[in-house]
């Protein structure tokens, strides 16, 4: 039996979301089809409004619904430390940890030759301008511990040398409760390199 074209189009759209495969997309499509019409219209309006309502902060590149994001506007934050992250979702994860109270700068990607992402595609020029206009003492590079993340971190370290007192990298290591035999070689290597005295 041939599937209904409207359902197929919806499934194809849903598959574009991260971690959504064909079966999940099919289940979601049928769930949406079975929604009460008012709820479905509200859902559609929320999707339509998403790109209109949310923009990037002109200062840091994080997400905001106002002129500047809440983090940049927060005068209680440490304005001498700047953490550079790859994506807005990284800011959200770090904020949930409630351990960092400095400012952020979002690159909106990482250098990836295989995906055609170069330095000019990233939010690096604005980072350099921001450093020249502010008195940051430290820049913490918090890109992912991947080949692309490491490439980006090395590029940033070289580019930012001399522009700020200290350029540091987030420590990487073993997860709490993790087993050594389940840990990959790169993580083990970084854990050994980043060891500290007790």
Protein backbone atom coordinates (compact mmCIF):
# COMPACT_ATOMS: atom_id res chain seq x y z
CA UNK A 1 0.00 0.00 0.00
CA UNK A 2 1.31 3.43 -0.92
CA UNK A 3 1.74 5.91 1.93
CA UNK A 4 -0.15 9.18 1.93
CA UNK A 5 1.99 11.95 0.42
CA UNK A 6 1.32 14.43 3.24
CA UNK A 7 2.57 11.89 5.82
CA UNK A 8 5.65 11.09 3.74
CA UNK A 9 6.51 14.81 3.46
CA UNK A 10 6.11 15.25 7.22
CA UNK A 11 8.25 12.17 7.94
CA UNK A 12 10.98 13.44 5.60
CA UNK A 13 10.97 16.74 7.48
CA UNK A 14 11.12 15.03 10.88
CA UNK A 15 14.05 12.82 9.81
CA UNK A 16 16.14 15.98 9.43
CA UNK A 17 16.07 16.37 13.22
CA UNK A 18 19.04 14.90 15.12
CA UNK A 19 18.55 11.36 16.47
CA UNK A 20 15.29 10.86 14.55
CA UNK A 21 15.23 7.83 12.30
CA UNK A 22 12.56 6.62 9.90
CA UNK A 23 10.55 4.69 12.53
CA UNK A 24 10.61 7.57 15.03
CA UNK A 25 9.59 10.02 12.30
CA UNK A 26 6.70 7.75 11.33
CA UNK A 27 5.49 7.50 14.95
CA UNK A 28 5.74 11.28 15.38
CA UNK A 29 3.87 11.92 12.13
CA UNK A 30 0.99 9.68 13.21
CA UNK A 31 0.97 11.29 16.67
CA UNK A 32 0.68 14.71 15.06
CA UNK A 33 -2.08 13.45 12.78
CA UNK A 34 -4.02 12.24 15.82
CA UNK A 35 -3.58 15.47 17.82
CA UNK A 36 -6.56 17.60 18.70
CA UNK A 37 -6.73 20.32 16.03
CA UNK A 38 -6.21 23.21 18.49
CA UNK A 39 -3.08 21.53 19.88
CA UNK A 40 -1.79 20.85 16.39
CA UNK A 41 -2.34 24.48 15.36
CA UNK A 42 -0.55 25.65 18.51
CA UNK A 43 2.35 23.29 17.71
CA UNK A 44 2.53 24.56 14.11
CA UNK A 45 2.47 28.18 15.32
CA UNK A 46 5.31 27.48 17.77
CA UNK A 47 7.40 25.98 14.95
CA UNK A 48 6.64 28.87 12.62
CA UNK A 49 7.47 31.44 15.30
CA UNK A 50 10.73 29.75 16.34
CA UNK A 51 13.02 31.33 13.75
CA UNK A 52 11.28 34.70 13.99
CA UNK A 53 11.42 34.95 17.79
CA UNK A 54 14.90 33.60 18.48
CA UNK A 55 18.00 35.34 17.18
CA UNK A 56 21.67 35.39 18.09
CA UNK A 57 23.12 37.81 20.60
CA UNK A 58 25.28 40.35 18.74
CA UNK A 59 27.86 40.24 21.54
CA UNK A 60 28.40 36.53 22.17
CA UNK A 61 26.44 34.60 19.55
CA UNK A 62 24.18 32.82 22.08
CA UNK A 63 20.41 32.58 21.58
CA UNK A 64 18.11 35.38 22.68
CA UNK A 65 14.62 36.79 22.19
CA UNK A 66 15.75 40.30 23.12
CA UNK A 67 18.43 42.67 21.84
CA UNK A 68 21.15 41.05 23.98
CA UNK A 69 21.15 37.68 25.77
CA UNK A 70 20.54 37.37 29.52
CA UNK A 71 24.12 36.19 30.14
CA UNK A 72 25.70 39.25 28.51
CA UNK A 73 23.28 41.51 30.41
CA UNK A 74 24.00 39.88 33.79
CA UNK A 75 26.30 42.33 35.65
CA UNK A 76 26.96 39.74 38.40
CA UNK A 77 28.97 37.53 36.04
CA UNK A 78 32.78 37.52 36.00
CA UNK A 79 33.62 39.73 33.02
CA UNK A 80 37.34 38.85 33.14
CA UNK A 81 36.85 35.27 31.93
CA UNK A 82 35.50 34.28 28.52
CA UNK A 83 34.62 30.69 27.60
CA UNK A 84 34.61 29.89 23.88
CA UNK A 85 32.18 27.11 22.90
CA UNK A 86 31.21 25.54 19.59
CA UNK A 87 27.41 25.73 19.75
CA UNK A 88 24.62 27.38 21.78
CA UNK A 89 23.72 23.97 23.24
CA UNK A 90 27.17 23.94 24.89
CA UNK A 91 26.29 27.12 26.80
CA UNK A 92 23.07 25.49 27.97
CA UNK A 93 24.95 22.39 29.20
CA UNK A 94 27.56 24.49 31.04
CA UNK A 95 24.89 26.68 32.63
CA UNK A 96 23.08 23.58 33.91
CA UNK A 97 26.30 22.50 35.66
CA UNK A 98 26.19 25.78 37.65
CA UNK A 99 29.98 25.96 38.08
CA UNK A 100 31.00 28.69 35.62
CA UNK A 101 29.99 32.33 36.15
CA UNK A 102 31.97 34.07 33.40
CA UNK A 103 30.92 35.12 29.91
CA UNK A 104 30.67 33.06 26.71
CA UNK A 105 31.45 33.34 23.03
CA UNK A 106 29.73 30.93 20.61
CA UNK A 107 31.63 29.97 17.44
CA UNK A 108 28.60 28.33 15.79
CA UNK A 109 30.65 25.39 14.58
CA UNK A 110 34.14 23.91 14.45
CA UNK A 111 36.78 23.78 11.76
CA UNK A 112 36.01 20.72 9.64
CA UNK A 113 37.68 20.27 6.27
CA UNK A 114 35.59 17.16 5.57
CA UNK A 115 32.37 19.19 5.98
CA UNK A 116 33.74 22.27 4.25
CA UNK A 117 33.74 24.43 7.40
CA UNK A 118 36.68 26.83 7.50
CA UNK A 119 37.80 29.56 9.88
CA UNK A 120 35.86 32.18 7.92
CA UNK A 121 32.61 30.26 8.55
CA UNK A 122 33.00 30.57 12.31
CA UNK A 123 32.32 33.44 14.71
CA UNK A 124 36.07 34.09 15.20
CA UNK A 125 36.45 37.63 13.81
CA UNK A 126 33.90 38.90 16.33
CA UNK A 127 35.80 37.04 19.09
CA UNK A 128 39.02 38.87 18.22
CA UNK A 129 37.19 42.22 18.10
CA UNK A 130 35.57 41.44 21.44
CA UNK A 131 38.94 40.68 23.02
CA UNK A 132 40.38 43.96 21.76
CA UNK A 133 37.49 45.96 23.29
CA UNK A 134 37.32 44.19 26.68
CA UNK A 135 39.74 43.42 29.49
CA UNK A 136 39.51 39.63 29.64
CA UNK A 137 42.23 37.96 31.71
CA UNK A 138 41.52 34.42 30.52
CA UNK A 139 39.94 32.71 27.54
CA UNK A 140 38.83 29.13 28.18
CA UNK A 141 38.53 27.06 25.02
CA UNK A 142 35.67 24.59 25.49
CA UNK A 143 35.33 22.96 22.08
CA UNK A 144 34.40 19.27 21.93
CA UNK A 145 37.12 16.62 22.42
CA UNK A 146 36.93 15.54 18.77
CA UNK A 147 39.41 15.92 15.92
CA UNK A 148 37.50 18.98 14.69
CA UNK A 149 37.21 20.40 18.22
CA UNK A 150 40.93 19.92 18.84
CA UNK A 151 41.80 21.49 15.47
CA UNK A 152 39.64 24.49 16.34
CA UNK A 153 41.16 24.73 19.84
CA UNK A 154 44.70 24.69 18.46
CA UNK A 155 43.84 27.34 15.88
CA UNK A 156 42.27 29.53 18.57
CA UNK A 157 45.22 29.07 20.95
CA UNK A 158 47.62 30.19 18.22
CA UNK A 159 45.41 33.09 17.10
CA UNK A 160 44.70 34.38 20.61
CA UNK A 161 48.29 34.13 21.89
CA UNK A 162 49.36 37.59 23.07
CA UNK A 163 45.82 38.99 22.92
CA UNK A 164 44.92 37.83 26.44
CA UNK A 165 46.90 36.89 29.58
CA UNK A 166 45.92 33.22 29.57
CA UNK A 167 44.41 30.86 27.02
CA UNK A 168 43.34 27.60 28.67
CA UNK A 169 41.53 24.44 27.58
CA UNK A 170 38.84 22.59 29.51
CA UNK A 171 40.21 19.48 31.18
CA UNK A 172 38.99 16.17 29.81
CA UNK A 173 39.04 12.93 31.65
CA UNK A 174 37.15 10.03 33.05
CA UNK A 175 33.46 10.30 33.85
CA UNK A 176 32.43 9.80 37.46
CA UNK A 177 31.46 6.15 37.92
CA UNK A 178 33.05 5.15 34.61
CA UNK A 179 35.21 2.07 34.08
CA UNK A 180 38.67 2.29 32.55
CA UNK A 181 38.04 -0.67 30.26
CA UNK A 182 35.08 1.14 28.64
CA UNK A 183 37.01 4.38 28.09
CA UNK A 184 38.47 5.22 24.69
CA UNK A 185 42.22 5.74 24.23
CA UNK A 186 42.01 9.50 23.60
CA UNK A 187 40.02 10.10 26.80
CA UNK A 188 42.48 7.97 28.80
CA UNK A 189 45.39 9.86 27.26
CA UNK A 190 43.83 13.24 28.13
CA UNK A 191 43.05 12.03 31.65
CA UNK A 192 46.69 11.04 32.21
CA UNK A 193 47.96 14.33 30.73
CA UNK A 194 45.54 16.37 32.84
CA UNK A 195 46.27 14.61 36.13
CA UNK A 196 46.73 16.76 39.25
CA UNK A 197 48.11 16.42 42.76
CA UNK A 198 45.81 15.38 45.58
